[in-house]
């Protein structure tokens, strides 16, 4: 009969130990999940910042390309105007003055 009492008394101790291990494992899993959730939040914040920075860069490219295109159109019009003026002087037969104008022409100064 003593053996039966010993076994019956040992069963709650064993189940209590198993229960403690299960709760400890559960607590560790909860902590791990919380840590991963915090890491995901941090990464999302980093990604949001990178997306915002990339968007700003694309907007800057769009704006500066528009400004560059406008400057190129203005430059092309100025060069075209200067070339037209030179051809008019040549057609007018201004002699040496037309040669001086051609030699002095600086497209970067237009």
Foldseek 3Di string as FASTA:
>chain_A
DVVVVVVVVVVVVVVVVVVVVVVVVVVVVVVVVVVVVVVVVVVVVVVVVVVVVVVVVVVVVVVVVVVVVVVVVVLVVVVVVLVVVLVVCVVVVPDPVSVVSVVPDDSVVD
